[in-house]
Amino acid sequence: MEPLYLVAVIKPKAEGAATVREFLDSMIAATRDEDGCEMYDLVVGDDDPSTWLMIEKWSSRAHWDAHMVTPHVAKGNEALAGLLREPTELRFYSAK
């Protein structure tokens, strides 16, 4: 199986950033315990602190697909919907 790399671009509204961070922290803790999760880190650029990146590595696309239907992802996505400036952008990558 090929590993899957993913960068999720997250743009919280300024007034909801603390709430977004709380939801993401709980999602991070649960996700890191999932089968196939090799890396799941939230980072913020020094040049643009209003845009966050979730950098992920999964053992396979199937592992990520399973992750996307977990209760903590569904709850988090629902809760974050009104707290973001725009929908989260998902960028997928493969090892070369």
PDB file of N, CA and C in Angstrom:
ATOM      1  N   MET A   1       0.826  -1.184   0.000  1.00  0.00           N
ATOM      2  CA  MET A   1       0.000   0.000   0.000  1.00  0.00           C
ATOM      3  C   MET A   1       0.868   1.245   0.000  1.00  0.00           C
ATOM      4  N   GLU A   2       0.428   2.209  -0.758  1.00  0.00           N
ATOM      5  CA  GLU A   2       1.125   3.489  -0.829  1.00  0.00           C
ATOM      6  C   GLU A   2       0.679   4.388   0.320  1.00  0.00           C
ATOM      7  N   PRO A   3       1.605   5.080   0.967  1.00  0.00           N
ATOM      8  CA  PRO A   3       1.180   6.047   1.979  1.00  0.00           C
ATOM      9  C   PRO A   3       0.492   7.247   1.324  1.00  0.00           C
ATOM     10  N   LEU A   4      -0.364   7.895   2.077  1.00  0.00           N
ATOM     11  CA  LEU A   4      -1.072   9.079   1.617  1.00  0.00           C
ATOM     12  C   LEU A   4      -0.621  10.257   2.461  1.00  0.00           C
ATOM     13  N   TYR A   5      -0.256  11.322   1.796  1.00  0.00           N
ATOM     14  CA  TYR A   5       0.103  12.573   2.468  1.00  0.00           C
ATOM     15  C   TYR A   5      -1.000  13.574   2.178  1.00  0.00           C
ATOM     16  N   LEU A   6      -1.328  14.378   3.168  1.00  0.00           N
ATOM     17  CA  LEU A   6      -2.408  15.335   3.021  1.00  0.00           C
ATOM     18  C   LEU A   6      -2.076  16.595   3.803  1.00  0.00           C
ATOM     19  N   VAL A   7      -2.345  17.726   3.175  1.00  0.00           N
ATOM     20  CA  VAL A   7      -2.267  19.014   3.859  1.00  0.00           C
ATOM     21  C   VAL A   7      -3.667  19.614   3.788  1.00  0.00           C
ATOM     22  N   ALA A   8      -4.246  19.857   4.965  1.00  0.00           N
ATOM     23  CA  ALA A   8      -5.547  20.507   5.043  1.00  0.00           C
ATOM     24  C   ALA A   8      -5.317  21.969   5.418  1.00  0.00           C
ATOM     25  N   VAL A   9      -5.797  22.881   4.584  1.00  0.00           N
ATOM     26  CA  VAL A   9      -5.637  24.313   4.818  1.00  0.00           C
ATOM     27  C   VAL A   9      -6.886  24.802   5.552  1.00  0.00           C
ATOM     28  N   ILE A  10      -6.677  25.278   6.773  1.00  0.00           N
ATOM     29  CA  ILE A  10      -7.778  25.661   7.659  1.00  0.00           C
ATOM     30  C   ILE A  10      -7.681  27.158   7.924  1.00  0.00           C
ATOM     31  N   LYS A  11      -8.786  27.862   7.691  1.00  0.00           N
ATOM     32  CA  LYS A  11      -8.798  29.327   7.864  1.00  0.00           C
ATOM     33  C   LYS A  11      -9.898  29.721   8.844  1.00  0.00           C
ATOM     34  N   PRO A  12      -9.576  29.714  10.143  1.00  0.00           N
ATOM     35  CA  PRO A  12     -10.590  30.076  11.131  1.00  0.00           C
ATOM     36  C   PRO A  12     -10.907  31.573  11.107  1.00  0.00           C
ATOM     37  N   LYS A  13     -12.153  31.888  11.422  1.00  0.00           N
ATOM     38  CA  LYS A  13     -12.521  33.286  11.629  1.00  0.00           C
ATOM     39  C   LYS A  13     -11.812  33.750  12.898  1.00  0.00           C
ATOM     40  N   ALA A  14     -11.363  34.993  12.920  1.00  0.00           N
ATOM     41  CA  ALA A  14     -10.613  35.512  14.064  1.00  0.00           C
ATOM     42  C   ALA A  14     -11.391  35.360  15.361  1.00  0.00           C
ATOM     43  N   GLU A  15     -12.686  35.676  15.318  1.00  0.00           N
ATOM     44  CA  GLU A  15     -13.478  35.632  16.542  1.00  0.00           C
ATOM     45  C   GLU A  15     -13.762  34.208  17.023  1.00  0.00           C
ATOM     46  N   GLY A  16     -13.535  33.208  16.186  1.00  0.00           N
ATOM     47  CA  GLY A  16     -13.777  31.823  16.579  1.00  0.00           C
ATOM     48  C   GLY A  16     -12.528  30.983  16.677  1.00  0.00           C
ATOM     49  N   ALA A  17     -11.366  31.600  16.547  1.00  0.00           N
ATOM     50  CA  ALA A  17     -10.111  30.840  16.483  1.00  0.00           C
ATOM     51  C   ALA A  17      -9.888  29.969  17.713  1.00  0.00           C
ATOM     52  N   ALA A  18     -10.191  30.470  18.901  1.00  0.00           N
ATOM     53  CA  ALA A  18      -9.980  29.682  20.120  1.00  0.00           C
ATOM     54  C   ALA A  18     -10.882  28.449  20.132  1.00  0.00           C
ATOM     55  N   THR A  19     -12.108  28.600  19.677  1.00  0.00           N
ATOM     56  CA  THR A  19     -13.036  27.468  19.620  1.00  0.00           C
ATOM     57  C   THR A  19     -12.574  26.456  18.579  1.00  0.00           C
ATOM     58  N   VAL A  20     -12.138  26.950  17.434  1.00  0.00           N
ATOM     59  CA  VAL A  20     -11.615  26.059  16.390  1.00  0.00           C
ATOM     60  C   VAL A  20     -10.445  25.259  16.951  1.00  0.00           C
ATOM     61  N   ARG A  21      -9.556  25.921  17.651  1.00  0.00           N
ATOM     62  CA  ARG A  21      -8.384  25.239  18.211  1.00  0.00           C
ATOM     63  C   ARG A  21      -8.805  24.155  19.197  1.00  0.00           C
ATOM     64  N   GLU A  22      -9.818  24.415  20.019  1.00  0.00           N
ATOM     65  CA  GLU A  22     -10.302  23.405  20.965  1.00  0.00           C
ATOM     66  C   GLU A  22     -10.822  22.179  20.235  1.00  0.00           C
ATOM     67  N   PHE A  23     -11.638  22.388  19.204  1.00  0.00           N
ATOM     68  CA  PHE A  23     -12.159  21.257  18.436  1.00  0.00           C
ATOM     69  C   PHE A  23     -11.032  20.488  17.757  1.00  0.00           C
ATOM     70  N   LEU A  24     -10.088  21.205  17.175  1.00  0.00           N
ATOM     71  CA  LEU A  24      -8.977  20.537  16.489  1.00  0.00           C
ATOM     72  C   LEU A  24      -8.114  19.766  17.468  1.00  0.00           C
ATOM     73  N   ASP A  25      -7.885  20.315  18.653  1.00  0.00           N
ATOM     74  CA  ASP A  25      -7.095  19.599  19.654  1.00  0.00           C
ATOM     75  C   ASP A  25      -7.749  18.267  20.021  1.00  0.00           C
ATOM     76  N   SER A  26      -9.071  18.259  20.173  1.00  0.00           N
ATOM     77  CA  SER A  26      -9.749  17.000  20.497  1.00  0.00           C
ATOM     78  C   SER A  26      -9.706  16.034  19.319  1.00  0.00           C
ATOM     79  N   MET A  27      -9.826  16.556  18.093  1.00  0.00           N
ATOM     80  CA  MET A  27      -9.730  15.697  16.908  1.00  0.00           C
ATOM     81  C   MET A  27      -8.323  15.123  16.762  1.00  0.00           C
ATOM     82  N   ILE A  28      -7.317  15.929  17.059  1.00  0.00           N
ATOM     83  CA  ILE A  28      -5.930  15.471  16.953  1.00  0.00           C
ATOM     84  C   ILE A  28      -5.685  14.307  17.906  1.00  0.00           C
ATOM     85  N   ALA A  29      -6.109  14.464  19.143  1.00  0.00           N
ATOM     86  CA  ALA A  29      -5.892  13.406  20.141  1.00  0.00           C
ATOM     87  C   ALA A  29      -6.545  12.098  19.703  1.00  0.00           C
ATOM     88  N   ALA A  30      -7.780  12.168  19.227  1.00  0.00           N
ATOM     89  CA  ALA A  30      -8.488  10.960  18.801  1.00  0.00           C
ATOM     90  C   ALA A  30      -7.877  10.377  17.532  1.00  0.00           C
ATOM     91  N   THR A  31      -7.500  11.235  16.600  1.00  0.00           N
ATOM     92  CA  THR A  31      -6.977  10.774  15.311  1.00  0.00           C
ATOM     93  C   THR A  31      -5.630  10.085  15.463  1.00  0.00           C
ATOM     94  N   ARG A  32      -4.782  10.588  16.315  1.00  0.00           N
ATOM     95  CA  ARG A  32      -3.462   9.978  16.484  1.00  0.00           C
ATOM     96  C   ARG A  32      -3.536   8.546  16.984  1.00  0.00           C
ATOM     97  N   ASP A  33      -4.656   8.163  17.573  1.00  0.00           N
ATOM     98  CA  ASP A  33      -4.853   6.781  18.038  1.00  0.00           C
ATOM     99  C   ASP A  33      -5.441   5.866  16.964  1.00  0.00           C
ATOM    100  N   GLU A  34      -5.789   6.419  15.813  1.00  0.00           N
ATOM    101  CA  GLU A  34      -6.404   5.625  14.749  1.00  0.00           C
ATOM    102  C   GLU A  34      -5.382   4.742  14.041  1.00  0.00           C
ATOM    103  N   ASP A  35      -5.864   3.592  13.599  1.00  0.00           N
ATOM    104  CA  ASP A  35      -5.045   2.688  12.804  1.00  0.00           C
ATOM    105  C   ASP A  35      -4.653   3.380  11.504  1.00  0.00           C
ATOM    106  N   GLY A  36      -3.375   3.350  11.183  1.00  0.00           N
ATOM    107  CA  GLY A  36      -2.892   3.917   9.928  1.00  0.00           C
ATOM    108  C   GLY A  36      -2.456   5.360  10.004  1.00  0.00           C
ATOM    109  N   CYS A  37      -2.706   6.031  11.121  1.00  0.00           N
ATOM    110  CA  CYS A  37      -2.275   7.424  11.254  1.00  0.00           C
ATOM    111  C   CYS A  37      -0.801   7.447  11.638  1.00  0.00           C
ATOM    112  N   GLU A  38       0.011   7.986  10.761  1.00  0.00           N
ATOM    113  CA  GLU A  38       1.451   8.066  11.013  1.00  0.00           C
ATOM    114  C   GLU A  38       1.874   9.461  11.458  1.00  0.00           C
ATOM    115  N   MET A  39       1.115  10.477  11.047  1.00  0.00           N
ATOM    116  CA  MET A  39       1.402  11.852  11.461  1.00  0.00           C
ATOM    117  C   MET A  39       0.124  12.661  11.324  1.00  0.00           C
ATOM    118  N   TYR A  40      -0.118  13.518  12.300  1.00  0.00           N
ATOM    119  CA  TYR A  40      -1.305  14.378  12.285  1.00  0.00           C
ATOM    120  C   TYR A  40      -0.967  15.583  13.135  1.00  0.00           C
ATOM    121  N   ASP A  41      -0.413  16.619  12.509  1.00  0.00           N
ATOM    122  CA  ASP A  41       0.103  17.786  13.229  1.00  0.00           C
ATOM    123  C   ASP A  41      -0.525  19.062  12.706  1.00  0.00           C
ATOM    124  N   LEU A  42      -0.930  19.936  13.635  1.00  0.00           N
ATOM    125  CA  LEU A  42      -1.433  21.252  13.291  1.00  0.00           C
ATOM    126  C   LEU A  42      -0.283  22.239  13.397  1.00  0.00           C
ATOM    127  N   VAL A  43      -0.057  22.996  12.306  1.00  0.00           N
ATOM    128  CA  VAL A  43       1.027  23.988  12.289  1.00  0.00           C
ATOM    129  C   VAL A  43       0.484  25.314  11.777  1.00  0.00           C
ATOM    130  N   VAL A  44       1.169  26.378  12.171  1.00  0.00           N
ATOM    131  CA  VAL A  44       0.798  27.731  11.771  1.00  0.00           C
ATOM    132  C   VAL A  44       2.044  28.401  11.212  1.00  0.00           C
ATOM    133  N   GLY A  45       1.893  29.043  10.062  1.00  0.00           N
ATOM    134  CA  GLY A  45       3.022  29.722   9.446  1.00  0.00           C
ATOM    135  C   GLY A  45       3.372  31.006  10.165  1.00  0.00           C
ATOM    136  N   ASP A  46       4.640  31.296  10.256  1.00  0.00           N
ATOM    137  CA  ASP A  46       5.093  32.535  10.874  1.00  0.00           C
ATOM    138  C   ASP A  46       4.639  33.753  10.077  1.00  0.00           C
ATOM    139  N   ASP A  47       4.473  33.583   8.757  1.00  0.00           N
ATOM    140  CA  ASP A  47       4.110  34.706   7.893  1.00  0.00           C
ATOM    141  C   ASP A  47       2.596  34.946   7.814  1.00  0.00           C
ATOM    142  N   ASP A  48       1.782  33.957   8.216  1.00  0.00           N
ATOM    143  CA  ASP A  48       0.326  34.109   8.154  1.00  0.00           C
ATOM    144  C   ASP A  48      -0.324  33.303   9.275  1.00  0.00           C
ATOM    145  N   PRO A  49      -0.382  33.852  10.482  1.00  0.00           N
ATOM    146  CA  PRO A  49      -0.941  33.104  11.613  1.00  0.00           C
ATOM    147  C   PRO A  49      -2.452  32.885  11.528  1.00  0.00           C
ATOM    148  N   SER A  50      -3.114  33.481  10.529  1.00  0.00           N
ATOM    149  CA  SER A  50      -4.550  33.289  10.379  1.00  0.00           C
ATOM    150  C   SER A  50      -4.892  32.074   9.520  1.00  0.00           C
ATOM    151  N   THR A  51      -3.880  31.434   8.942  1.00  0.00           N
ATOM    152  CA  THR A  51      -4.071  30.222   8.146  1.00  0.00           C
ATOM    153  C   THR A  51      -3.295  29.090   8.801  1.00  0.00           C
ATOM    154  N   TRP A  52      -4.010  28.013   9.094  1.00  0.00           N
ATOM    155  CA  TRP A  52      -3.415  26.860   9.771  1.00  0.00           C
ATOM    156  C   TRP A  52      -3.350  25.691   8.793  1.00  0.00           C
ATOM    157  N   LEU A  53      -2.381  24.829   9.005  1.00  0.00           N
ATOM    158  CA  LEU A  53      -2.247  23.623   8.192  1.00  0.00           C
ATOM    159  C   LEU A  53      -2.279  22.394   9.087  1.00  0.00           C
ATOM    160  N   MET A  54      -3.079  21.415   8.699  1.00  0.00           N
ATOM    161  CA  MET A  54      -3.038  20.109   9.339  1.00  0.00           C
ATOM    162  C   MET A  54      -2.234  19.234   8.384  1.00  0.00           C
ATOM    163  N   ILE A  55      -1.077  18.796   8.822  1.00  0.00           N
ATOM    164  CA  ILE A  55      -0.207  17.975   7.992  1.00  0.00           C
ATOM    165  C   ILE A  55      -0.396  16.529   8.429  1.00  0.00           C
ATOM    166  N   GLU A  56      -0.785  15.696   7.468  1.00  0.00           N
ATOM    167  CA  GLU A  56      -1.155  14.316   7.785  1.00  0.00           C
ATOM    168  C   GLU A  56      -0.362  13.326   6.930  1.00  0.00           C
ATOM    169  N   LYS A  57      -0.100  12.185   7.520  1.00  0.00           N
ATOM    170  CA  LYS A  57       0.434  11.044   6.768  1.00  0.00           C
ATOM    171  C   LYS A  57      -0.324   9.811   7.237  1.00  0.00           C
ATOM    172  N   TRP A  58      -0.861   9.092   6.267  1.00  0.00           N
ATOM    173  CA  TRP A  58      -1.628   7.880   6.513  1.00  0.00           C
ATOM    174  C   TRP A  58      -0.950   6.708   5.818  1.00  0.00           C
ATOM    175  N   SER A  59      -1.066   5.543   6.396  1.00  0.00           N
ATOM    176  CA  SER A  59      -0.458   4.349   5.801  1.00  0.00           C
ATOM    177  C   SER A  59      -1.028   4.041   4.426  1.00  0.00           C
ATOM    178  N   SER A  60      -2.290   4.444   4.197  1.00  0.00           N
ATOM    179  CA  SER A  60      -2.922   4.220   2.894  1.00  0.00           C
ATOM    180  C   SER A  60      -4.131   5.137   2.753  1.00  0.00           C
ATOM    181  N   ARG A  61      -4.629   5.248   1.544  1.00  0.00           N
ATOM    182  CA  ARG A  61      -5.861   6.019   1.308  1.00  0.00           C
ATOM    183  C   ARG A  61      -7.029   5.380   2.057  1.00  0.00           C
ATOM    184  N   ALA A  62      -7.037   4.061   2.146  1.00  0.00           N
ATOM    185  CA  ALA A  62      -8.117   3.367   2.862  1.00  0.00           C
ATOM    186  C   ALA A  62      -8.148   3.774   4.336  1.00  0.00           C
ATOM    187  N   HIS A  63      -6.985   3.957   4.942  1.00  0.00           N
ATOM    188  CA  HIS A  63      -6.944   4.402   6.338  1.00  0.00           C
ATOM    189  C   HIS A  63      -7.532   5.805   6.472  1.00  0.00           C
ATOM    190  N   TRP A  64      -7.193   6.692   5.545  1.00  0.00           N
ATOM    191  CA  TRP A  64      -7.744   8.045   5.587  1.00  0.00           C
ATOM    192  C   TRP A  64      -9.246   8.025   5.356  1.00  0.00           C
ATOM    193  N   ASP A  65      -9.696   7.195   4.409  1.00  0.00           N
ATOM    194  CA  ASP A  65     -11.137   7.083   4.152  1.00  0.00           C
ATOM    195  C   ASP A  65     -11.872   6.648   5.421  1.00  0.00           C
ATOM    196  N   ALA A  66     -11.303   5.693   6.152  1.00  0.00           N
ATOM    197  CA  ALA A  66     -11.908   5.234   7.413  1.00  0.00           C
ATOM    198  C   ALA A  66     -11.912   6.362   8.447  1.00  0.00           C
ATOM    199  N   HIS A  67     -10.855   7.140   8.481  1.00  0.00           N
ATOM    200  CA  HIS A  67     -10.761   8.279   9.389  1.00  0.00           C
ATOM    201  C   HIS A  67     -11.887   9.272   9.141  1.00  0.00           C
ATOM    202  N   MET A  68     -12.208   9.507   7.892  1.00  0.00           N
ATOM    203  CA  MET A  68     -13.188  10.528   7.538  1.00  0.00           C
ATOM    204  C   MET A  68     -14.607  10.183   7.979  1.00  0.00           C
ATOM    205  N   VAL A  69     -14.880   8.939   8.326  1.00  0.00           N
ATOM    206  CA  VAL A  69     -16.225   8.552   8.769  1.00  0.00           C
ATOM    207  C   VAL A  69     -16.282   8.262  10.266  1.00  0.00           C
ATOM    208  N   THR A  70     -15.230   8.623  10.987  1.00  0.00           N
ATOM    209  CA  THR A  70     -15.250   8.433  12.442  1.00  0.00           C
ATOM    210  C   THR A  70     -16.152   9.480  13.091  1.00  0.00           C
ATOM    211  N   PRO A  71     -16.702   9.166  14.256  1.00  0.00           N
ATOM    212  CA  PRO A  71     -17.568  10.130  14.945  1.00  0.00           C
ATOM    213  C   PRO A  71     -16.868  11.445  15.284  1.00  0.00           C
ATOM    214  N   HIS A  72     -15.583  11.394  15.659  1.00  0.00           N
ATOM    215  CA  HIS A  72     -14.912  12.642  16.030  1.00  0.00           C
ATOM    216  C   HIS A  72     -14.691  13.559  14.829  1.00  0.00           C
ATOM    217  N   VAL A  73     -14.501  13.004  13.651  1.00  0.00           N
ATOM    218  CA  VAL A  73     -14.367  13.845  12.451  1.00  0.00           C
ATOM    219  C   VAL A  73     -15.725  14.431  12.078  1.00  0.00           C
ATOM    220  N   ALA A  74     -16.769  13.617  12.103  1.00  0.00           N
ATOM    221  CA  ALA A  74     -18.105  14.121  11.782  1.00  0.00           C
ATOM    222  C   ALA A  74     -18.508  15.240  12.741  1.00  0.00           C
ATOM    223  N   LYS A  75     -18.288  15.032  14.023  1.00  0.00           N
ATOM    224  CA  LYS A  75     -18.632  16.050  15.027  1.00  0.00           C
ATOM    225  C   LYS A  75     -17.800  17.312  14.817  1.00  0.00           C
ATOM    226  N   GLY A  76     -16.515  17.148  14.590  1.00  0.00           N
ATOM    227  CA  GLY A  76     -15.640  18.296  14.386  1.00  0.00           C
ATOM    228  C   GLY A  76     -15.996  19.081  13.148  1.00  0.00           C
ATOM    229  N   ASN A  77     -16.241  18.393  12.041  1.00  0.00           N
ATOM    230  CA  ASN A  77     -16.594  19.086  10.793  1.00  0.00           C
ATOM    231  C   ASN A  77     -17.904  19.862  10.940  1.00  0.00           C
ATOM    232  N   GLU A  78     -18.858  19.274  11.628  1.00  0.00           N
ATOM    233  CA  GLU A  78     -20.134  19.957  11.855  1.00  0.00           C
ATOM    234  C   GLU A  78     -19.938  21.199  12.721  1.00  0.00           C
ATOM    235  N   ALA A  79     -19.165  21.060  13.778  1.00  0.00           N
ATOM    236  CA  ALA A  79     -18.941  22.168  14.708  1.00  0.00           C
ATOM    237  C   ALA A  79     -18.148  23.302  14.059  1.00  0.00           C
ATOM    238  N   LEU A  80     -17.225  22.970  13.183  1.00  0.00           N
ATOM    239  CA  LEU A  80     -16.348  23.981  12.591  1.00  0.00           C
ATOM    240  C   LEU A  80     -16.979  24.725  11.414  1.00  0.00           C
ATOM    241  N   ALA A  81     -18.043  24.197  10.867  1.00  0.00           N
ATOM    242  CA  ALA A  81     -18.617  24.754   9.639  1.00  0.00           C
ATOM    243  C   ALA A  81     -18.843  26.265   9.703  1.00  0.00           C
ATOM    244  N   GLY A  82     -19.369  26.782  10.759  1.00  0.00           N
ATOM    245  CA  GLY A  82     -19.636  28.204  10.847  1.00  0.00           C
ATOM    246  C   GLY A  82     -18.497  29.027  11.412  1.00  0.00           C
ATOM    247  N   LEU A  83     -17.398  28.362  11.770  1.00  0.00           N
ATOM    248  CA  LEU A  83     -16.277  29.048  12.406  1.00  0.00           C
ATOM    249  C   LEU A  83     -15.103  29.303  11.475  1.00  0.00           C
ATOM    250  N   LEU A  84     -15.259  28.931  10.198  1.00  0.00           N
ATOM    251  CA  LEU A  84     -14.170  29.074   9.232  1.00  0.00           C
ATOM    252  C   LEU A  84     -14.500  30.151   8.206  1.00  0.00           C
ATOM    253  N   ARG A  85     -13.478  30.839   7.731  1.00  0.00           N
ATOM    254  CA  ARG A  85     -13.662  31.871   6.702  1.00  0.00           C
ATOM    255  C   ARG A  85     -14.041  31.271   5.352  1.00  0.00           C
ATOM    256  N   GLU A  86     -13.609  30.040   5.135  1.00  0.00           N
ATOM    257  CA  GLU A  86     -13.934  29.327   3.895  1.00  0.00           C
ATOM    258  C   GLU A  86     -13.774  27.840   4.169  1.00  0.00           C
ATOM    259  N   PRO A  87     -14.354  26.993   3.317  1.00  0.00           N
ATOM    260  CA  PRO A  87     -14.217  25.546   3.542  1.00  0.00           C
ATOM    261  C   PRO A  87     -12.744  25.118   3.556  1.00  0.00           C
ATOM    262  N   THR A  88     -12.467  24.107   4.333  1.00  0.00           N
ATOM    263  CA  THR A  88     -11.104  23.574   4.408  1.00  0.00           C
ATOM    264  C   THR A  88     -10.692  23.020   3.049  1.00  0.00           C
ATOM    265  N   GLU A  89      -9.518  23.410   2.611  1.00  0.00           N
ATOM    266  CA  GLU A  89      -8.957  22.921   1.342  1.00  0.00           C
ATOM    267  C   GLU A  89      -8.096  21.708   1.635  1.00  0.00           C
ATOM    268  N   LEU A  90      -8.345  20.611   0.918  1.00  0.00           N
ATOM    269  CA  LEU A  90      -7.559  19.390   1.089  1.00  0.00           C
ATOM    270  C   LEU A  90      -6.616  19.231  -0.095  1.00  0.00           C
ATOM    271  N   ARG A  91      -5.327  19.099   0.204  1.00  0.00           N
ATOM    272  CA  ARG A  91      -4.306  18.897  -0.830  1.00  0.00           C
ATOM    273  C   ARG A  91      -3.673  17.531  -0.604  1.00  0.00           C
ATOM    274  N   PHE A  92      -3.822  16.636  -1.575  1.00  0.00           N
ATOM    275  CA  PHE A  92      -3.305  15.274  -1.469  1.00  0.00           C
ATOM    276  C   PHE A  92      -1.974  15.148  -2.193  1.00  0.00           C
ATOM    277  N   TYR A  93      -1.080  14.338  -1.615  1.00  0.00           N
ATOM    278  CA  TYR A  93       0.250  14.130  -2.183  1.00  0.00           C
ATOM    279  C   TYR A  93       0.624  12.653  -2.096  1.00  0.00           C
ATOM    280  N   SER A  94       1.475  12.234  -3.007  1.00  0.00           N
ATOM    281  CA  SER A  94       2.011  10.868  -3.025  1.00  0.00           C
ATOM    282  C   SER A  94       3.522  10.933  -2.958  1.00  0.00           C
ATOM    283  N   ALA A  95       4.124   9.893  -2.394  1.00  0.00           N
ATOM    284  CA  ALA A  95       5.592   9.809  -2.369  1.00  0.00           C
ATOM    285  C   ALA A  95       6.078   9.512  -3.788  1.00  0.00           C
ATOM    286  N   LYS A  96       7.168  10.111  -4.156  1.00  0.00           N
ATOM    287  CA  LYS A  96       7.752   9.856  -5.495  1.00  0.00           C
ATOM    288  C   LYS A  96       9.151   9.334  -5.350  1.00  0.00           C
TER     289      LYS A  96
END
